[in-house]
C-alpha cells in the first residue's frame, strides 16, 4: 500500500469547494482540501488546523490532530 497517492483534478471540486466555503465558512484552501476528501472518499484528514473540526464532523471525516488519534484510527482500520 502506498502512503501517498496523487489525485487527478476534477471539475466537481470547484462547485463543492464553493459549497463548503459557504456552508462551513471555510477559507478557499481549506474548502479545497475538504472537497477533495469528499470527492475521493477520503475518510480521515490529518491536520492541526482547528478550522477543520466542525466541518469534518459534519461531513463524516475523521480529523486526526494528534499522533495518538492517528494511531487509534489506524488501529481501528486494522481491526475492521
N, C-alpha and C. Protein backbone atom coordinates (compact mmCIF):
# COMPACT_ATOMS: atom_id res chain seq x y z
N UNK A 1 0.84 -1.19 0.00
CA UNK A 1 0.00 0.00 0.00
C UNK A 1 0.89 1.25 0.00
N UNK A 2 0.62 2.15 -0.91
CA UNK A 2 1.34 3.41 -0.97
C UNK A 2 0.83 4.34 0.13
N UNK A 3 1.73 5.13 0.69
CA UNK A 3 1.32 6.09 1.70
C UNK A 3 0.67 7.31 1.09
N UNK A 4 1.11 7.69 -0.10
CA UNK A 4 0.57 8.86 -0.77
C UNK A 4 0.14 8.48 -2.18
N UNK A 5 -0.90 9.13 -2.62
CA UNK A 5 -1.38 8.91 -3.98
C UNK A 5 -1.74 10.27 -4.58
N UNK A 6 -1.27 10.56 -5.77
CA UNK A 6 -1.62 11.79 -6.45
C UNK A 6 -3.03 11.64 -7.02
N UNK A 7 -3.89 12.59 -6.72
CA UNK A 7 -5.26 12.54 -7.21
C UNK A 7 -5.42 13.46 -8.40
N UNK A 8 -6.17 13.03 -9.41
CA UNK A 8 -6.35 13.89 -10.58
C UNK A 8 -7.28 15.06 -10.26
N UNK A 9 -7.12 16.11 -11.04
CA UNK A 9 -8.07 17.23 -10.94
C UNK A 9 -9.44 16.74 -11.35
N UNK A 10 -10.45 17.37 -10.81
CA UNK A 10 -11.81 17.00 -11.17
C UNK A 10 -12.65 18.27 -11.28
N UNK A 11 -13.48 18.38 -12.31
CA UNK A 11 -14.33 19.56 -12.44
C UNK A 11 -15.37 19.65 -11.31
N UNK A 12 -15.56 18.56 -10.58
CA UNK A 12 -16.53 18.57 -9.47
C UNK A 12 -16.00 19.28 -8.23
N UNK A 13 -14.68 19.47 -8.15
CA UNK A 13 -14.08 20.05 -6.96
C UNK A 13 -14.48 21.52 -6.77
N UNK A 14 -14.47 22.30 -7.83
CA UNK A 14 -14.75 23.74 -7.68
C UNK A 14 -16.14 24.03 -7.12
N UNK A 15 -17.22 23.47 -7.67
CA UNK A 15 -18.53 23.78 -7.08
C UNK A 15 -18.66 23.26 -5.64
N UNK A 16 -18.04 22.12 -5.36
CA UNK A 16 -18.07 21.59 -4.00
C UNK A 16 -17.27 22.50 -3.06
N UNK A 17 -16.18 23.05 -3.55
CA UNK A 17 -15.37 23.99 -2.77
C UNK A 17 -16.19 25.22 -2.39
N UNK A 18 -16.88 25.79 -3.35
CA UNK A 18 -17.71 26.97 -3.09
C UNK A 18 -18.81 26.62 -2.08
N UNK A 19 -19.40 25.44 -2.25
CA UNK A 19 -20.44 24.97 -1.33
C UNK A 19 -19.90 24.90 0.11
N UNK A 20 -18.70 24.31 0.28
CA UNK A 20 -18.13 24.19 1.63
C UNK A 20 -17.67 25.53 2.18
N UNK A 21 -17.25 26.44 1.32
CA UNK A 21 -16.89 27.79 1.79
C UNK A 21 -18.11 28.46 2.42
N UNK A 22 -19.25 28.31 1.76
CA UNK A 22 -20.48 28.92 2.27
C UNK A 22 -21.02 28.16 3.48
N UNK A 23 -21.11 26.84 3.36
CA UNK A 23 -21.72 26.02 4.41
C UNK A 23 -20.93 26.05 5.71
N UNK A 24 -19.60 25.99 5.62
CA UNK A 24 -18.77 25.86 6.81
C UNK A 24 -17.90 27.09 7.07
N UNK A 25 -18.10 28.15 6.28
CA UNK A 25 -17.32 29.38 6.43
C UNK A 25 -15.81 29.10 6.39
N UNK A 26 -15.41 28.30 5.41
CA UNK A 26 -14.00 27.93 5.27
C UNK A 26 -13.28 28.86 4.30
N UNK A 27 -12.00 29.01 4.51
CA UNK A 27 -11.16 29.70 3.55
C UNK A 27 -11.03 28.81 2.31
N UNK A 28 -10.73 29.39 1.15
CA UNK A 28 -10.67 28.60 -0.08
C UNK A 28 -9.76 27.38 0.00
N UNK A 29 -8.54 27.53 0.52
CA UNK A 29 -7.63 26.39 0.58
C UNK A 29 -8.18 25.26 1.45
N UNK A 30 -8.79 25.61 2.59
CA UNK A 30 -9.38 24.60 3.46
C UNK A 30 -10.57 23.92 2.78
N UNK A 31 -11.36 24.71 2.07
CA UNK A 31 -12.52 24.16 1.37
C UNK A 31 -12.08 23.22 0.24
N UNK A 32 -10.98 23.53 -0.43
CA UNK A 32 -10.45 22.64 -1.47
C UNK A 32 -10.03 21.31 -0.85
N UNK A 33 -9.38 21.34 0.29
CA UNK A 33 -8.96 20.12 0.97
C UNK A 33 -10.17 19.29 1.35
N UNK A 34 -11.17 19.91 1.95
CA UNK A 34 -12.38 19.18 2.36
C UNK A 34 -13.13 18.63 1.14
N UNK A 35 -13.21 19.42 0.08
CA UNK A 35 -13.86 18.98 -1.15
C UNK A 35 -13.17 17.77 -1.76
N UNK A 36 -11.86 17.79 -1.74
CA UNK A 36 -11.09 16.67 -2.28
C UNK A 36 -11.34 15.41 -1.46
N UNK A 37 -11.39 15.55 -0.14
CA UNK A 37 -11.69 14.40 0.72
C UNK A 37 -13.06 13.82 0.36
N UNK A 38 -14.06 14.67 0.22
CA UNK A 38 -15.41 14.19 -0.09
C UNK A 38 -15.46 13.55 -1.47
N UNK A 39 -14.87 14.19 -2.46
CA UNK A 39 -14.92 13.70 -3.84
C UNK A 39 -14.30 12.32 -3.97
N UNK A 40 -13.17 12.10 -3.30
CA UNK A 40 -12.43 10.86 -3.46
C UNK A 40 -12.66 9.86 -2.32
N UNK A 41 -13.61 10.15 -1.45
CA UNK A 41 -13.94 9.20 -0.38
C UNK A 41 -12.85 9.04 0.67
N UNK A 42 -12.10 10.09 0.88
CA UNK A 42 -11.05 10.06 1.91
C UNK A 42 -11.72 10.20 3.27
N UNK A 43 -11.52 9.23 4.12
CA UNK A 43 -12.27 9.13 5.38
C UNK A 43 -11.58 9.81 6.56
N UNK A 44 -10.30 10.20 6.41
CA UNK A 44 -9.57 10.82 7.51
C UNK A 44 -8.66 11.91 6.98
N UNK A 45 -8.53 12.97 7.76
CA UNK A 45 -7.70 14.11 7.40
C UNK A 45 -6.78 14.42 8.57
N UNK A 46 -5.48 14.42 8.33
CA UNK A 46 -4.51 14.75 9.37
C UNK A 46 -4.18 16.23 9.27
N UNK A 47 -4.51 16.98 10.32
CA UNK A 47 -4.27 18.41 10.34
C UNK A 47 -4.31 18.95 11.76
N UNK A 48 -3.50 19.96 12.01
CA UNK A 48 -3.56 20.68 13.29
C UNK A 48 -4.46 21.90 13.18
N UNK A 49 -5.06 22.11 12.03
CA UNK A 49 -5.90 23.28 11.78
C UNK A 49 -7.27 23.08 12.42
N UNK A 50 -7.54 23.83 13.48
CA UNK A 50 -8.80 23.70 14.21
C UNK A 50 -10.01 24.11 13.37
N UNK A 51 -9.78 24.83 12.27
CA UNK A 51 -10.88 25.23 11.39
C UNK A 51 -11.57 24.02 10.76
N UNK A 52 -10.90 22.87 10.75
CA UNK A 52 -11.50 21.66 10.18
C UNK A 52 -12.38 20.90 11.17
N UNK A 53 -12.35 21.26 12.41
CA UNK A 53 -13.04 20.48 13.44
C UNK A 53 -14.52 20.26 13.15
N UNK A 54 -15.28 21.31 13.05
CA UNK A 54 -16.73 21.17 12.80
C UNK A 54 -17.04 20.68 11.38
N UNK A 55 -16.38 21.23 10.35
CA UNK A 55 -16.68 20.73 9.00
C UNK A 55 -16.41 19.24 8.83
N UNK A 56 -15.30 18.75 9.39
CA UNK A 56 -15.02 17.32 9.27
C UNK A 56 -16.08 16.49 9.98
N UNK A 57 -16.49 16.94 11.16
CA UNK A 57 -17.52 16.23 11.89
C UNK A 57 -18.82 16.22 11.09
N UNK A 58 -19.19 17.36 10.53
CA UNK A 58 -20.43 17.46 9.76
C UNK A 58 -20.39 16.62 8.48
N UNK A 59 -19.22 16.47 7.90
CA UNK A 59 -19.07 15.73 6.63
C UNK A 59 -18.62 14.29 6.84
N UNK A 60 -18.60 13.84 8.09
CA UNK A 60 -18.25 12.46 8.44
C UNK A 60 -16.84 12.09 8.00
N UNK A 61 -15.91 12.99 8.27
CA UNK A 61 -14.49 12.77 8.01
C UNK A 61 -13.77 12.84 9.35
N UNK A 62 -12.93 11.86 9.62
CA UNK A 62 -12.20 11.84 10.89
C UNK A 62 -11.06 12.85 10.82
N UNK A 63 -11.04 13.78 11.77
CA UNK A 63 -9.94 14.74 11.85
C UNK A 63 -8.91 14.19 12.83
N UNK A 64 -7.71 13.98 12.34
CA UNK A 64 -6.63 13.44 13.15
C UNK A 64 -5.66 14.58 13.47
N UNK A 65 -5.71 15.05 14.72
CA UNK A 65 -4.90 16.22 15.11
C UNK A 65 -3.69 15.86 15.94
N UNK A 66 -3.63 14.62 16.42
CA UNK A 66 -2.51 14.20 17.25
C UNK A 66 -2.00 12.84 16.78
N UNK A 67 -0.81 12.51 17.21
CA UNK A 67 -0.24 11.21 16.88
C UNK A 67 -1.12 10.11 17.47
N UNK A 68 -1.63 10.33 18.67
CA UNK A 68 -2.47 9.34 19.33
C UNK A 68 -3.74 9.08 18.53
N UNK A 69 -4.36 10.15 18.00
CA UNK A 69 -5.56 9.99 17.17
C UNK A 69 -5.24 9.20 15.90
N UNK A 70 -4.08 9.47 15.32
CA UNK A 70 -3.67 8.75 14.11
C UNK A 70 -3.48 7.27 14.41
N UNK A 71 -2.79 6.96 15.51
CA UNK A 71 -2.55 5.56 15.90
C UNK A 71 -3.88 4.85 16.16
N UNK A 72 -4.77 5.52 16.89
CA UNK A 72 -6.08 4.92 17.19
C UNK A 72 -6.87 4.68 15.91
N UNK A 73 -6.86 5.64 15.00
CA UNK A 73 -7.59 5.49 13.74
C UNK A 73 -7.00 4.35 12.92
N UNK A 74 -5.68 4.30 12.83
CA UNK A 74 -5.01 3.23 12.08
C UNK A 74 -5.35 1.87 12.68
N UNK A 75 -5.38 1.77 14.00
CA UNK A 75 -5.70 0.50 14.66
C UNK A 75 -7.16 0.12 14.38
N UNK A 76 -8.04 1.10 14.32
CA UNK A 76 -9.45 0.80 14.05
C UNK A 76 -9.63 0.25 12.64
N UNK A 77 -8.79 0.65 11.72
CA UNK A 77 -8.85 0.13 10.36
C UNK A 77 -8.37 -1.32 10.31
N UNK A 78 -7.37 -1.61 11.10
CA UNK A 78 -6.80 -2.97 11.13
C UNK A 78 -7.76 -3.97 11.75
N UNK A 79 -8.56 -3.50 12.73
CA UNK A 79 -9.47 -4.41 13.43
C UNK A 79 -10.79 -4.60 12.69
N UNK A 80 -11.00 -3.83 11.64
CA UNK A 80 -12.26 -3.94 10.88
C UNK A 80 -12.24 -5.08 9.90
